[in-house]
Amino acid sequence: MSLLLTIAIDLTAIAVLAFALYFPRHHRRDLVTAFLGINIGVLAVSLTLGSSTIGAGLGLGLFGVLSIIRLRSDEIAQHEVAYYFAALALGLIAGLNPEPTWTMAGLMLLVIAVMFVADHPRLFRRYRQQTIELDRAFTSEDELGRHLGNILDARIRSVQVRHLDLVNDTTLVDVRFQPNPAPPAPAGSSRGIPAGHPEAVAR
């Protein structure tokens, strides 16, 4: 495969990942820059390693060191870590330039398709996660679960106590929950008519 075609396929793949998937869903501009930079950097290094006597193991080791430094330098969410490594994988696949051509295109499409599905807004959309600091020290998990369910108006799926301070009477928890369904709207409210309005009563 020609060098220009390899670069064109990689640029198309990373553009779809960064501009069509990530940014419309999460709107974080700095990580778009990071995804593009790591992808093109990995592609360039991979192509260089493929045309030199430097071992591929050394190159992969360098990628690992660079990724660890980058990920530890800033606070990013787990889904952003996934996008980060997807961008790295796209560049690496293109740089290794597997034959036949459809193999490279198929692997890149697989990476993008998995990210599209795994990060889709409709996937587990009713499940939430929050870190909450409570103004009470809860030593009973059952009581803690009931309290969180009341204040969040939700069904608690998982609770992990991060910090229990008996001196200052606080509890820091990581909670996974599913909000309770909203009550049905009163008759007439769909048209902006208050429930007690004469028109709503007449209907």
Protein backbone atom coordinates (compact mmCIF):
# COMPACT_ATOMS: atom_id res chain seq x y z
CA MET A 1 0.00 0.00 0.00
CA SER A 2 1.27 3.45 -0.85
CA LEU A 3 2.34 5.82 1.90
CA LEU A 4 -0.18 8.48 0.89
CA LEU A 5 -3.07 6.01 0.94
CA THR A 6 -2.04 4.79 4.40
CA ILE A 7 -1.94 8.35 5.73
CA ALA A 8 -5.28 9.18 4.09
CA ILE A 9 -7.00 6.17 5.67
CA ASP A 10 -5.57 7.01 9.09
CA LEU A 11 -6.58 10.67 8.86
CA THR A 12 -10.10 9.65 7.88
CA ALA A 13 -10.34 7.23 10.80
CA ILE A 14 -9.05 9.67 13.43
CA ALA A 15 -11.27 12.44 12.05
CA VAL A 16 -14.34 10.24 12.47
CA LEU A 17 -13.26 9.27 16.00
CA ALA A 18 -12.43 12.79 17.17
CA PHE A 19 -14.87 15.01 15.27
CA ALA A 20 -17.86 12.74 14.60
CA LEU A 21 -17.89 10.66 17.82
CA TYR A 22 -16.00 12.25 20.69
CA PHE A 23 -16.50 16.01 20.36
CA PRO A 24 -20.27 16.03 19.60
CA ARG A 25 -20.81 13.84 22.68
CA HIS A 26 -18.36 15.34 25.20
CA HIS A 27 -17.31 18.80 23.88
CA ARG A 28 -13.78 18.82 25.26
CA ARG A 29 -11.55 20.62 22.80
CA ASP A 30 -8.21 19.94 24.48
CA LEU A 31 -8.65 16.19 24.20
CA VAL A 32 -9.48 16.44 20.51
CA THR A 33 -6.04 18.00 20.11
CA ALA A 34 -4.53 15.19 22.19
CA PHE A 35 -6.25 12.49 20.14
CA LEU A 36 -5.07 13.98 16.86
CA GLY A 37 -1.54 14.51 18.18
CA ILE A 38 -1.11 11.00 19.58
CA ASN A 39 -2.57 9.42 16.46
CA ILE A 40 -0.34 11.25 14.02
CA GLY A 41 2.67 10.83 16.30
CA VAL A 42 2.15 7.08 16.58
CA LEU A 43 1.60 6.81 12.83
CA ALA A 44 4.83 8.68 12.08
CA VAL A 45 6.89 6.66 14.55
CA SER A 46 5.36 3.38 13.36
CA LEU A 47 6.16 4.14 9.74
CA THR A 48 9.71 5.10 10.71
CA LEU A 49 10.20 1.92 12.72
CA GLY A 50 8.84 -0.13 9.85
CA SER A 51 11.43 1.25 7.49
CA SER A 52 14.44 1.01 9.84
CA THR A 53 16.37 -1.58 11.79
CA ILE A 54 14.98 -0.46 15.16
CA GLY A 55 13.05 -3.23 16.83
CA ALA A 56 9.28 -2.98 17.05
CA GLY A 57 9.49 -3.94 20.73
CA LEU A 58 11.46 -0.79 21.48
CA GLY A 59 8.90 1.32 19.67
CA LEU A 60 5.96 -0.22 21.53
CA GLY A 61 7.81 0.33 24.80
CA LEU A 62 8.23 4.00 23.96
CA PHE A 63 4.51 4.28 23.20
CA GLY A 64 3.70 2.77 26.59
CA VAL A 65 5.98 5.17 28.46
CA LEU A 66 4.57 8.20 26.61
CA SER A 67 0.97 7.14 27.25
CA ILE A 68 1.58 6.66 30.98
CA ILE A 69 3.17 10.10 31.26
CA ARG A 70 0.27 11.70 29.41
CA LEU A 71 -2.45 9.94 31.37
CA ARG A 72 -0.88 10.80 34.73
CA SER A 73 -0.41 14.45 33.85
CA ASP A 74 -4.09 15.37 33.93
CA GLU A 75 -7.38 14.15 35.35
CA ILE A 76 -9.44 12.46 32.64
CA ALA A 77 -12.45 10.17 32.78
CA GLN A 78 -12.38 6.50 31.91
CA HIS A 79 -14.28 6.96 28.65
CA GLU A 80 -11.68 9.55 27.64
CA VAL A 81 -8.93 7.04 28.38
CA ALA A 82 -10.70 4.68 25.98
CA TYR A 83 -10.79 7.34 23.26
CA TYR A 84 -7.14 8.08 23.94
CA PHE A 85 -6.07 4.49 23.37
CA ALA A 86 -8.41 4.14 20.39
CA ALA A 87 -6.60 7.06 18.75
CA LEU A 88 -3.28 5.41 19.58
CA ALA A 89 -4.47 2.08 18.16
CA LEU A 90 -5.60 3.68 14.89
CA GLY A 91 -2.20 5.24 14.37
CA LEU A 92 -0.42 2.01 15.25
CA ILE A 93 -2.57 -0.10 12.92
CA ALA A 94 -1.95 2.29 10.05
CA GLY A 95 1.76 2.52 10.80
CA LEU A 96 2.23 -1.26 10.87
CA ASN A 97 0.45 -1.32 7.50
CA PRO A 98 -0.84 -4.92 7.53
CA GLU A 99 -1.59 -6.64 4.22
CA PRO A 100 -3.98 -6.96 2.50
CA THR A 101 -5.39 -3.44 2.53
CA TRP A 102 -8.83 -4.46 3.75
CA THR A 103 -7.26 -5.85 6.93
CA MET A 104 -6.10 -2.42 8.05
CA ALA A 105 -9.36 -0.75 7.06
CA GLY A 106 -11.38 -3.47 8.77
CA LEU A 107 -9.45 -3.23 12.04
CA MET A 108 -9.79 0.55 12.08
CA LEU A 109 -13.51 0.28 11.38
CA LEU A 110 -13.80 -2.23 14.23
CA VAL A 111 -12.14 0.19 16.69
CA ILE A 112 -14.43 3.04 15.65
CA ALA A 113 -17.56 0.84 15.71
CA VAL A 114 -16.79 -0.39 19.22
CA MET A 115 -16.31 3.17 20.46
CA PHE A 116 -19.53 4.26 18.74
CA VAL A 117 -21.55 1.59 20.52
CA ALA A 118 -19.76 1.59 23.88
CA ASP A 119 -20.02 5.37 24.30
CA HIS A 120 -23.49 5.78 22.81
CA PRO A 121 -25.73 8.06 24.93
CA ARG A 122 -28.56 5.51 24.84
CA LEU A 123 -26.45 2.72 26.30
CA PHE A 124 -27.35 2.42 30.01
CA ARG A 125 -28.60 6.01 29.81
CA ARG A 126 -30.62 5.77 33.04
CA TYR A 127 -27.63 4.77 35.12
CA ARG A 128 -25.68 7.48 36.96
CA GLN A 129 -22.52 7.74 39.04
CA GLN A 130 -21.65 10.46 41.55
CA THR A 131 -19.20 11.12 44.34
CA ILE A 132 -21.12 12.63 47.26
CA GLU A 133 -19.96 13.99 50.61
CA LEU A 134 -22.66 13.57 53.26
CA ASP A 135 -22.88 15.63 56.45
CA ARG A 136 -23.29 12.49 58.56
CA ALA A 137 -21.01 9.61 59.41
CA PHE A 138 -22.80 6.42 58.36
CA THR A 139 -21.51 3.19 59.84
CA SER A 140 -24.44 1.10 58.60
CA GLU A 141 -24.46 0.28 54.90
CA ASP A 142 -28.22 -0.34 54.91
CA GLU A 143 -28.93 3.05 56.48
CA LEU A 144 -26.51 4.70 54.07
CA GLY A 145 -28.26 3.11 51.09
CA ARG A 146 -31.69 4.22 52.28
CA HIS A 147 -30.47 7.77 52.90
CA LEU A 148 -28.91 8.03 49.45
CA GLY A 149 -32.04 6.61 47.86
CA ASN A 150 -34.13 9.31 49.54
CA ILE A 151 -31.95 12.29 48.70
CA LEU A 152 -31.32 11.16 45.11
CA ASP A 153 -34.85 9.85 44.52
CA ALA A 154 -33.27 6.83 42.93
CA ARG A 155 -32.72 3.10 43.17
CA ILE A 156 -29.24 2.57 44.55
CA ARG A 157 -27.24 -0.02 42.64
CA SER A 158 -23.86 0.22 44.33
CA VAL A 159 -22.29 2.26 47.14
CA GLN A 160 -18.61 2.42 48.01
CA VAL A 161 -17.47 4.40 51.04
CA ARG A 162 -14.37 6.39 50.11
CA HIS A 163 -13.82 8.08 53.45
CA LEU A 164 -15.55 7.87 56.83
CA ASP A 165 -14.76 10.72 59.22
CA LEU A 166 -16.15 10.10 62.69
CA VAL A 167 -14.55 13.27 64.07
CA ASN A 168 -16.09 15.73 61.61
CA ASP A 169 -19.17 13.52 61.11
CA THR A 170 -18.94 13.17 57.30
CA THR A 171 -19.03 10.33 54.78
CA LEU A 172 -17.59 10.44 51.28
CA VAL A 173 -19.19 7.87 48.98
CA ASP A 174 -19.08 6.79 45.37
CA VAL A 175 -22.63 5.82 44.41
CA ARG A 176 -24.06 4.18 41.30
CA PHE A 177 -27.82 4.63 40.94
CA GLN A 178 -30.83 4.58 38.66
CA PRO A 179 -33.20 7.58 38.99
CA ASN A 180 -36.81 6.74 39.69
CA PRO A 181 -39.23 7.39 36.80
CA ALA A 182 -40.79 10.83 36.81
CA PRO A 183 -44.47 10.90 37.86
CA PRO A 184 -46.97 11.32 35.00
CA ALA A 185 -47.80 14.91 34.17
CA PRO A 186 -51.24 16.16 35.33
CA ALA A 187 -53.95 16.50 32.70
CA GLY A 188 -53.59 19.73 30.76
CA SER A 189 -49.91 20.21 31.58
CA SER A 190 -48.80 19.06 28.12
CA ARG A 191 -50.21 22.30 26.71
CA GLY A 192 -48.77 24.43 29.48
CA ILE A 193 -52.10 24.61 31.36
CA PRO A 194 -51.83 24.34 35.18
CA ALA A 195 -53.61 21.37 36.72
CA GLY A 196 -56.04 23.60 38.65
CA HIS A 197 -56.88 25.88 35.70
CA PRO A 198 -60.61 25.97 34.73
CA GLU A 199 -59.80 24.80 31.20
CA ALA A 200 -57.91 21.80 32.55
CA VAL A 201 -60.80 20.95 34.91
CA ALA A 202 -63.34 21.28 32.10
CA ARG A 203 -61.46 18.80 30.00
